[in-house]
Structures are given as structure tokens and as C-alpha cells.
Amino acid sequence: MAELRKRGLSTAVISTESFVKLGKTQARVFGVPDLPLVLIPHPLGGISLEQVEGRAHVAIPQIAALIKEQLK
């Protein structure tokens, strides 16, 4: 993701809320501190398909907002 961001492509990382600090740290270490994080509830593993779909519904508005921002 970092290399794509550095090349000017629109990118984001989807992460559960438990990994926000790690995601921000990794983005900074890899030289893209402005890399957007799309946050979904934790956990993602070991949950039902319906719960995964719920996580997607949380992510969609965030992704849409990022796309809108890029179109400005």
C-alpha cells in the first residue's frame, strides 16, 4: 500500500479499531503518514457472514468519503 500511495495512487487500509495505533505507526515508518485508515469494529476473524457484512457497511461510507475527497 505504501508504495502505491507514494506513486500517487489513491489508497487506504481497512483495519479493525484494535489496530489503529499499529496502522498509523506502520504508515509513518513506511513513509506515508497520510495513508487513510478505514476503521471497522474488531474482530474480523471468527465471526459470521452477517457480521462481516455489518463490518462492510461500516467501511462503505468511509470509503465513499475518501473517494469524494479525491475527486475535489
PDB file of N, CA and C in Angstrom:
ATOM      1  N   MET A   1       0.813  -1.186   0.000  1.00  0.00           N
ATOM      2  CA  MET A   1       0.000   0.000   0.000  1.00  0.00           C
ATOM      3  C   MET A   1       0.858   1.253   0.000  1.00  0.00           C
ATOM      4  N   ALA A   2       1.914   1.234   0.798  1.00  0.00           N
ATOM      5  CA  ALA A   2       2.764   2.419   0.907  1.00  0.00           C
ATOM      6  C   ALA A   2       3.365   2.792  -0.442  1.00  0.00           C
ATOM      7  N   GLU A   3       3.842   1.803  -1.191  1.00  0.00           N
ATOM      8  CA  GLU A   3       4.458   2.093  -2.485  1.00  0.00           C
ATOM      9  C   GLU A   3       3.437   2.659  -3.464  1.00  0.00           C
ATOM     10  N   LEU A   4       2.222   2.135  -3.437  1.00  0.00           N
ATOM     11  CA  LEU A   4       1.176   2.667  -4.315  1.00  0.00           C
ATOM     12  C   LEU A   4       0.857   4.106  -3.957  1.00  0.00           C
ATOM     13  N   ARG A   5       0.778   4.381  -2.661  1.00  0.00           N
ATOM     14  CA  ARG A   5       0.496   5.745  -2.198  1.00  0.00           C
ATOM     15  C   ARG A   5       1.602   6.698  -2.637  1.00  0.00           C
ATOM     16  N   LYS A   6       2.854   6.251  -2.495  1.00  0.00           N
ATOM     17  CA  LYS A   6       3.993   7.081  -2.892  1.00  0.00           C
ATOM     18  C   LYS A   6       3.981   7.386  -4.381  1.00  0.00           C
ATOM     19  N   ARG A   7       3.389   6.505  -5.176  1.00  0.00           N
ATOM     20  CA  ARG A   7       3.298   6.706  -6.624  1.00  0.00           C
ATOM     21  C   ARG A   7       2.102   7.562  -7.015  1.00  0.00           C
ATOM     22  N   GLY A   8       1.371   8.038  -6.003  1.00  0.00           N
ATOM     23  CA  GLY A   8       0.276   8.952  -6.268  1.00  0.00           C
ATOM     24  C   GLY A   8      -1.084   8.303  -6.452  1.00  0.00           C
ATOM     25  N   LEU A   9      -1.171   7.003  -6.240  1.00  0.00           N
ATOM     26  CA  LEU A   9      -2.452   6.326  -6.384  1.00  0.00           C
ATOM     27  C   LEU A   9      -3.292   6.498  -5.121  1.00  0.00           C
ATOM     28  N   SER A  10      -4.585   6.543  -5.295  1.00  0.00           N
ATOM     29  CA  SER A  10      -5.492   6.633  -4.154  1.00  0.00           C
ATOM     30  C   SER A  10      -5.494   5.288  -3.434  1.00  0.00           C
ATOM     31  N   THR A  11      -5.170   5.309  -2.179  1.00  0.00           N
ATOM     32  CA  THR A  11      -5.106   4.082  -1.399  1.00  0.00           C
ATOM     33  C   THR A  11      -5.652   4.313   0.000  1.00  0.00           C
ATOM     34  N   ALA A  12      -5.998   3.225   0.646  1.00  0.00           N
ATOM     35  CA  ALA A  12      -6.421   3.242   2.041  1.00  0.00           C
ATOM     36  C   ALA A  12      -6.226   1.834   2.584  1.00  0.00           C
ATOM     37  N   VAL A  13      -6.161   1.727   3.879  1.00  0.00           N
ATOM     38  CA  VAL A  13      -6.053   0.430   4.539  1.00  0.00           C
ATOM     39  C   VAL A  13      -7.290   0.245   5.406  1.00  0.00           C
ATOM     40  N   ILE A  14      -7.915  -0.917   5.276  1.00  0.00           N
ATOM     41  CA  ILE A  14      -9.045  -1.256   6.141  1.00  0.00           C
ATOM     42  C   ILE A  14      -8.481  -2.000   7.340  1.00  0.00           C
ATOM     43  N   SER A  15      -8.809  -1.510   8.517  1.00  0.00           N
ATOM     44  CA  SER A  15      -8.264  -2.061   9.753  1.00  0.00           C
ATOM     45  C   SER A  15      -9.343  -2.110  10.825  1.00  0.00           C
ATOM     46  N   THR A  16      -9.224  -3.074  11.710  1.00  0.00           N
ATOM     47  CA  THR A  16     -10.133  -3.063  12.850  1.00  0.00           C
ATOM     48  C   THR A  16      -9.646  -2.011  13.846  1.00  0.00           C
ATOM     49  N   GLU A  17     -10.569  -1.555  14.661  1.00  0.00           N
ATOM     50  CA  GLU A  17     -10.271  -0.481  15.605  1.00  0.00           C
ATOM     51  C   GLU A  17      -9.126  -0.833  16.550  1.00  0.00           C
ATOM     52  N   SER A  18      -8.938  -2.116  16.828  1.00  0.00           N
ATOM     53  CA  SER A  18      -7.876  -2.542  17.742  1.00  0.00           C
ATOM     54  C   SER A  18      -6.478  -2.292  17.185  1.00  0.00           C
ATOM     55  N   PHE A  19      -6.371  -2.102  15.874  1.00  0.00           N
ATOM     56  CA  PHE A  19      -5.060  -1.957  15.248  1.00  0.00           C
ATOM     57  C   PHE A  19      -4.784  -0.547  14.724  1.00  0.00           C
ATOM     58  N   VAL A  20      -5.519   0.439  15.206  1.00  0.00           N
ATOM     59  CA  VAL A  20      -5.331   1.823  14.761  1.00  0.00           C
ATOM     60  C   VAL A  20      -3.906   2.296  15.021  1.00  0.00           C
ATOM     61  N   LYS A  21      -3.432   2.122  16.228  1.00  0.00           N
ATOM     62  CA  LYS A  21      -2.092   2.594  16.579  1.00  0.00           C
ATOM     63  C   LYS A  21      -1.037   1.922  15.705  1.00  0.00           C
ATOM     64  N   LEU A  22      -1.150   0.614  15.522  1.00  0.00           N
ATOM     65  CA  LEU A  22      -0.213  -0.104  14.668  1.00  0.00           C
ATOM     66  C   LEU A  22      -0.285   0.399  13.235  1.00  0.00           C
ATOM     67  N   GLY A  23      -1.493   0.598  12.727  1.00  0.00           N
ATOM     68  CA  GLY A  23      -1.649   1.080  11.355  1.00  0.00           C
ATOM     69  C   GLY A  23      -1.014   2.438  11.142  1.00  0.00           C
ATOM     70  N   LYS A  24      -1.239   3.350  12.070  1.00  0.00           N
ATOM     71  CA  LYS A  24      -0.644   4.687  11.957  1.00  0.00           C
ATOM     72  C   LYS A  24       0.869   4.631  12.059  1.00  0.00           C
ATOM     73  N   THR A  25       1.365   3.788  12.960  1.00  0.00           N
ATOM     74  CA  THR A  25       2.815   3.648  13.118  1.00  0.00           C
ATOM     75  C   THR A  25       3.438   3.077  11.852  1.00  0.00           C
ATOM     76  N   GLN A  26       2.835   2.025  11.303  1.00  0.00           N
ATOM     77  CA  GLN A  26       3.366   1.416  10.084  1.00  0.00           C
ATOM     78  C   GLN A  26       3.327   2.400   8.918  1.00  0.00           C
ATOM     79  N   ALA A  27       2.261   3.155   8.796  1.00  0.00           N
ATOM     80  CA  ALA A  27       2.176   4.144   7.720  1.00  0.00           C
ATOM     81  C   ALA A  27       3.319   5.145   7.834  1.00  0.00           C
ATOM     82  N   ARG A  28       3.578   5.617   9.042  1.00  0.00           N
ATOM     83  CA  ARG A  28       4.658   6.577   9.259  1.00  0.00           C
ATOM     84  C   ARG A  28       6.022   5.939   8.946  1.00  0.00           C
ATOM     85  N   VAL A  29       6.243   4.708   9.424  1.00  0.00           N
ATOM     86  CA  VAL A  29       7.517   4.015   9.190  1.00  0.00           C
ATOM     87  C   VAL A  29       7.767   3.815   7.700  1.00  0.00           C
ATOM     88  N   PHE A  30       6.709   3.522   6.950  1.00  0.00           N
ATOM     89  CA  PHE A  30       6.857   3.291   5.516  1.00  0.00           C
ATOM     90  C   PHE A  30       6.789   4.572   4.688  1.00  0.00           C
ATOM     91  N   GLY A  31       6.758   5.716   5.366  1.00  0.00           N
ATOM     92  CA  GLY A  31       6.877   6.990   4.674  1.00  0.00           C
ATOM     93  C   GLY A  31       5.588   7.556   4.109  1.00  0.00           C
ATOM     94  N   VAL A  32       4.453   7.073   4.580  1.00  0.00           N
ATOM     95  CA  VAL A  32       3.168   7.601   4.103  1.00  0.00           C
ATOM     96  C   VAL A  32       2.259   7.909   5.302  1.00  0.00           C
ATOM     97  N   PRO A  33       2.648   8.877   6.110  1.00  0.00           N
ATOM     98  CA  PRO A  33       1.876   9.160   7.326  1.00  0.00           C
ATOM     99  C   PRO A  33       0.448   9.625   7.050  1.00  0.00           C
ATOM    100  N   ASP A  34       0.179  10.031   5.804  1.00  0.00           N
ATOM    101  CA  ASP A  34      -1.174  10.480   5.445  1.00  0.00           C
ATOM    102  C   ASP A  34      -2.044   9.343   4.900  1.00  0.00           C
ATOM    103  N   LEU A  35      -1.564   8.114   4.960  1.00  0.00           N
ATOM    104  CA  LEU A  35      -2.323   6.971   4.457  1.00  0.00           C
ATOM    105  C   LEU A  35      -3.629   6.830   5.243  1.00  0.00           C
ATOM    106  N   PRO A  36      -4.764   6.913   4.573  1.00  0.00           N
ATOM    107  CA  PRO A  36      -6.039   6.819   5.292  1.00  0.00           C
ATOM    108  C   PRO A  36      -6.285   5.419   5.859  1.00  0.00           C
ATOM    109  N   LEU A  37      -6.839   5.376   7.054  1.00  0.00           N
ATOM    110  CA  LEU A  37      -7.259   4.121   7.659  1.00  0.00           C
ATOM    111  C   LEU A  37      -8.781   4.098   7.684  1.00  0.00           C
ATOM    112  N   VAL A  38      -9.348   3.064   7.127  1.00  0.00           N
ATOM    113  CA  VAL A  38     -10.785   2.834   7.184  1.00  0.00           C
ATOM    114  C   VAL A  38     -10.996   1.886   8.356  1.00  0.00           C
ATOM    115  N   LEU A  39     -11.712   2.352   9.364  1.00  0.00           N
ATOM    116  CA  LEU A  39     -11.831   1.586  10.602  1.00  0.00           C
ATOM    117  C   LEU A  39     -13.145   0.823  10.683  1.00  0.00           C
ATOM    118  N   ILE A  40     -13.026  -0.453  11.036  1.00  0.00           N
ATOM    119  CA  ILE A  40     -14.187  -1.304  11.255  1.00  0.00           C
ATOM    120  C   ILE A  40     -14.068  -1.910  12.650  1.00  0.00           C
ATOM    121  N   PRO A  41     -15.195  -2.363  13.205  1.00  0.00           N
ATOM    122  CA  PRO A  41     -15.142  -2.974  14.531  1.00  0.00           C
ATOM    123  C   PRO A  41     -14.299  -4.255  14.553  1.00  0.00           C
ATOM    124  N   HIS A  42     -13.699  -4.503  15.679  1.00  0.00           N
ATOM    125  CA  HIS A  42     -12.909  -5.709  15.921  1.00  0.00           C
ATOM    126  C   HIS A  42     -13.812  -6.726  16.594  1.00  0.00           C
ATOM    127  N   PRO A  43     -13.666  -7.992  16.356  1.00  0.00           N
ATOM    128  CA  PRO A  43     -12.731  -8.674  15.466  1.00  0.00           C
ATOM    129  C   PRO A  43     -13.319  -8.846  14.070  1.00  0.00           C
ATOM    130  N   LEU A  44     -12.486  -9.364  13.186  1.00  0.00           N
ATOM    131  CA  LEU A  44     -12.963  -9.714  11.854  1.00  0.00           C
ATOM    132  C   LEU A  44     -12.949 -11.231  11.684  1.00  0.00           C
ATOM    133  N   GLY A  45     -11.987 -11.882  12.310  1.00  0.00           N
ATOM    134  CA  GLY A  45     -11.906 -13.339  12.212  1.00  0.00           C
ATOM    135  C   GLY A  45     -12.865 -14.022  13.168  1.00  0.00           C
ATOM    136  N   GLY A  46     -13.352 -15.186  12.766  1.00  0.00           N
ATOM    137  CA  GLY A  46     -14.190 -15.993  13.627  1.00  0.00           C
ATOM    138  C   GLY A  46     -15.590 -15.462  13.830  1.00  0.00           C
ATOM    139  N   ILE A  47     -16.060 -14.640  12.885  1.00  0.00           N
ATOM    140  CA  ILE A  47     -17.418 -14.093  13.013  1.00  0.00           C
ATOM    141  C   ILE A  47     -18.266 -14.590  11.852  1.00  0.00           C
ATOM    142  N   SER A  48     -19.560 -14.441  11.982  1.00  0.00           N
ATOM    143  CA  SER A  48     -20.478 -14.916  10.951  1.00  0.00           C
ATOM    144  C   SER A  48     -20.426 -14.027   9.704  1.00  0.00           C
ATOM    145  N   LEU A  49     -20.939 -14.551   8.622  1.00  0.00           N
ATOM    146  CA  LEU A  49     -21.002 -13.791   7.376  1.00  0.00           C
ATOM    147  C   LEU A  49     -21.822 -12.519   7.559  1.00  0.00           C
ATOM    148  N   GLU A  50     -22.889 -12.603   8.322  1.00  0.00           N
ATOM    149  CA  GLU A  50     -23.712 -11.423   8.582  1.00  0.00           C
ATOM    150  C   GLU A  50     -22.922 -10.354   9.321  1.00  0.00           C
ATOM    151  N   GLN A  51     -22.082 -10.778  10.257  1.00  0.00           N
ATOM    152  CA  GLN A  51     -21.251  -9.819  10.988  1.00  0.00           C
ATOM    153  C   GLN A  51     -20.197  -9.199  10.080  1.00  0.00           C
ATOM    154  N   VAL A  52     -19.649  -9.996   9.170  1.00  0.00           N
ATOM    155  CA  VAL A  52     -18.689  -9.460   8.199  1.00  0.00           C
ATOM    156  C   VAL A  52     -19.385  -8.420   7.321  1.00  0.00           C
ATOM    157  N   GLU A  53     -20.595  -8.718   6.900  1.00  0.00           N
ATOM    158  CA  GLU A  53     -21.353  -7.758   6.098  1.00  0.00           C
ATOM    159  C   GLU A  53     -21.599  -6.474   6.882  1.00  0.00           C
ATOM    160  N   GLY A  54     -21.836  -6.611   8.171  1.00  0.00           N
ATOM    161  CA  GLY A  54     -22.000  -5.430   9.022  1.00  0.00           C
ATOM    162  C   GLY A  54     -20.750  -4.582   9.049  1.00  0.00           C
ATOM    163  N   ARG A  55     -19.587  -5.243   9.089  1.00  0.00           N
ATOM    164  CA  ARG A  55     -18.320  -4.507   9.058  1.00  0.00           C
ATOM    165  C   ARG A  55     -18.184  -3.764   7.736  1.00  0.00           C
ATOM    166  N   ALA A  56     -18.600  -4.411   6.646  1.00  0.00           N
ATOM    167  CA  ALA A  56     -18.534  -3.766   5.329  1.00  0.00           C
ATOM    168  C   ALA A  56     -19.422  -2.524   5.295  1.00  0.00           C
ATOM    169  N   HIS A  57     -20.575  -2.616   5.918  1.00  0.00           N
ATOM    170  CA  HIS A  57     -21.483  -1.463   5.950  1.00  0.00           C
ATOM    171  C   HIS A  57     -20.888  -0.297   6.748  1.00  0.00           C
ATOM    172  N   VAL A  58     -20.020  -0.605   7.685  1.00  0.00           N
ATOM    173  CA  VAL A  58     -19.312   0.447   8.427  1.00  0.00           C
ATOM    174  C   VAL A  58     -18.237   1.076   7.535  1.00  0.00           C
ATOM    175  N   ALA A  59     -17.577   0.248   6.737  1.00  0.00           N
ATOM    176  CA  ALA A  59     -16.475   0.724   5.896  1.00  0.00           C
ATOM    177  C   ALA A  59     -16.948   1.534   4.696  1.00  0.00           C
ATOM    178  N   ILE A  60     -18.073   1.169   4.119  1.00  0.00           N
ATOM    179  CA  ILE A  60     -18.526   1.787   2.864  1.00  0.00           C
ATOM    180  C   ILE A  60     -18.623   3.313   2.938  1.00  0.00           C
ATOM    181  N   PRO A  61     -19.268   3.896   3.966  1.00  0.00           N
ATOM    182  CA  PRO A  61     -19.342   5.362   3.992  1.00  0.00           C
ATOM    183  C   PRO A  61     -17.966   6.028   4.122  1.00  0.00           C
ATOM    184  N   GLN A  62     -17.064   5.374   4.824  1.00  0.00           N
ATOM    185  CA  GLN A  62     -15.717   5.922   4.962  1.00  0.00           C
ATOM    186  C   GLN A  62     -14.988   5.903   3.622  1.00  0.00           C
ATOM    187  N   ILE A  63     -15.148   4.812   2.890  1.00  0.00           N
ATOM    188  CA  ILE A  63     -14.511   4.695   1.575  1.00  0.00           C
ATOM    189  C   ILE A  63     -15.128   5.706   0.610  1.00  0.00           C
ATOM    190  N   ALA A  64     -16.435   5.850   0.665  1.00  0.00           N
ATOM    191  CA  ALA A  64     -17.109   6.829  -0.199  1.00  0.00           C
ATOM    192  C   ALA A  64     -16.606   8.241   0.089  1.00  0.00           C
ATOM    193  N   ALA A  65     -16.408   8.568   1.362  1.00  0.00           N
ATOM    194  CA  ALA A  65     -15.897   9.896   1.738  1.00  0.00           C
ATOM    195  C   ALA A  65     -14.486  10.103   1.202  1.00  0.00           C
ATOM    196  N   LEU A  66     -13.663   9.073   1.253  1.00  0.00           N
ATOM    197  CA  LEU A  66     -12.294   9.173   0.713  1.00  0.00           C
ATOM    198  C   LEU A  66     -12.327   9.404  -0.791  1.00  0.00           C
ATOM    199  N   ILE A  67     -13.211   8.704  -1.488  1.00  0.00           N
ATOM    200  CA  ILE A  67     -13.332   8.876  -2.932  1.00  0.00           C
ATOM    201  C   ILE A  67     -13.796  10.296  -3.264  1.00  0.00           C
ATOM    202  N   LYS A  68     -14.798  10.771  -2.541  1.00  0.00           N
ATOM    203  CA  LYS A  68     -15.289  12.145  -2.760  1.00  0.00           C
ATOM    204  C   LYS A  68     -14.173  13.151  -2.570  1.00  0.00           C
ATOM    205  N   GLU A  69     -13.380  12.949  -1.527  1.00  0.00           N
ATOM    206  CA  GLU A  69     -12.261  13.859  -1.222  1.00  0.00           C
ATOM    207  C   GLU A  69     -11.254  13.865  -2.365  1.00  0.00           C
ATOM    208  N   GLN A  70     -10.999  12.714  -2.953  1.00  0.00           N
ATOM    209  CA  GLN A  70     -10.046  12.608  -4.060  1.00  0.00           C
ATOM    210  C   GLN A  70     -10.558  13.301  -5.317  1.00  0.00           C
ATOM    211  N   LEU A  71     -11.869  13.373  -5.471  1.00  0.00           N
ATOM    212  CA  LEU A  71     -12.449  13.971  -6.669  1.00  0.00           C
ATOM    213  C   LEU A  71     -12.450  15.495  -6.642  1.00  0.00           C
ATOM    214  N   LYS A  72     -12.147  16.077  -5.508  1.00  0.00           N
ATOM    215  CA  LYS A  72     -12.138  17.551  -5.397  1.00  0.00           C
ATOM    216  C   LYS A  72     -10.990  18.145  -6.161  1.00  0.00           C
TER     217      LYS A  72
END
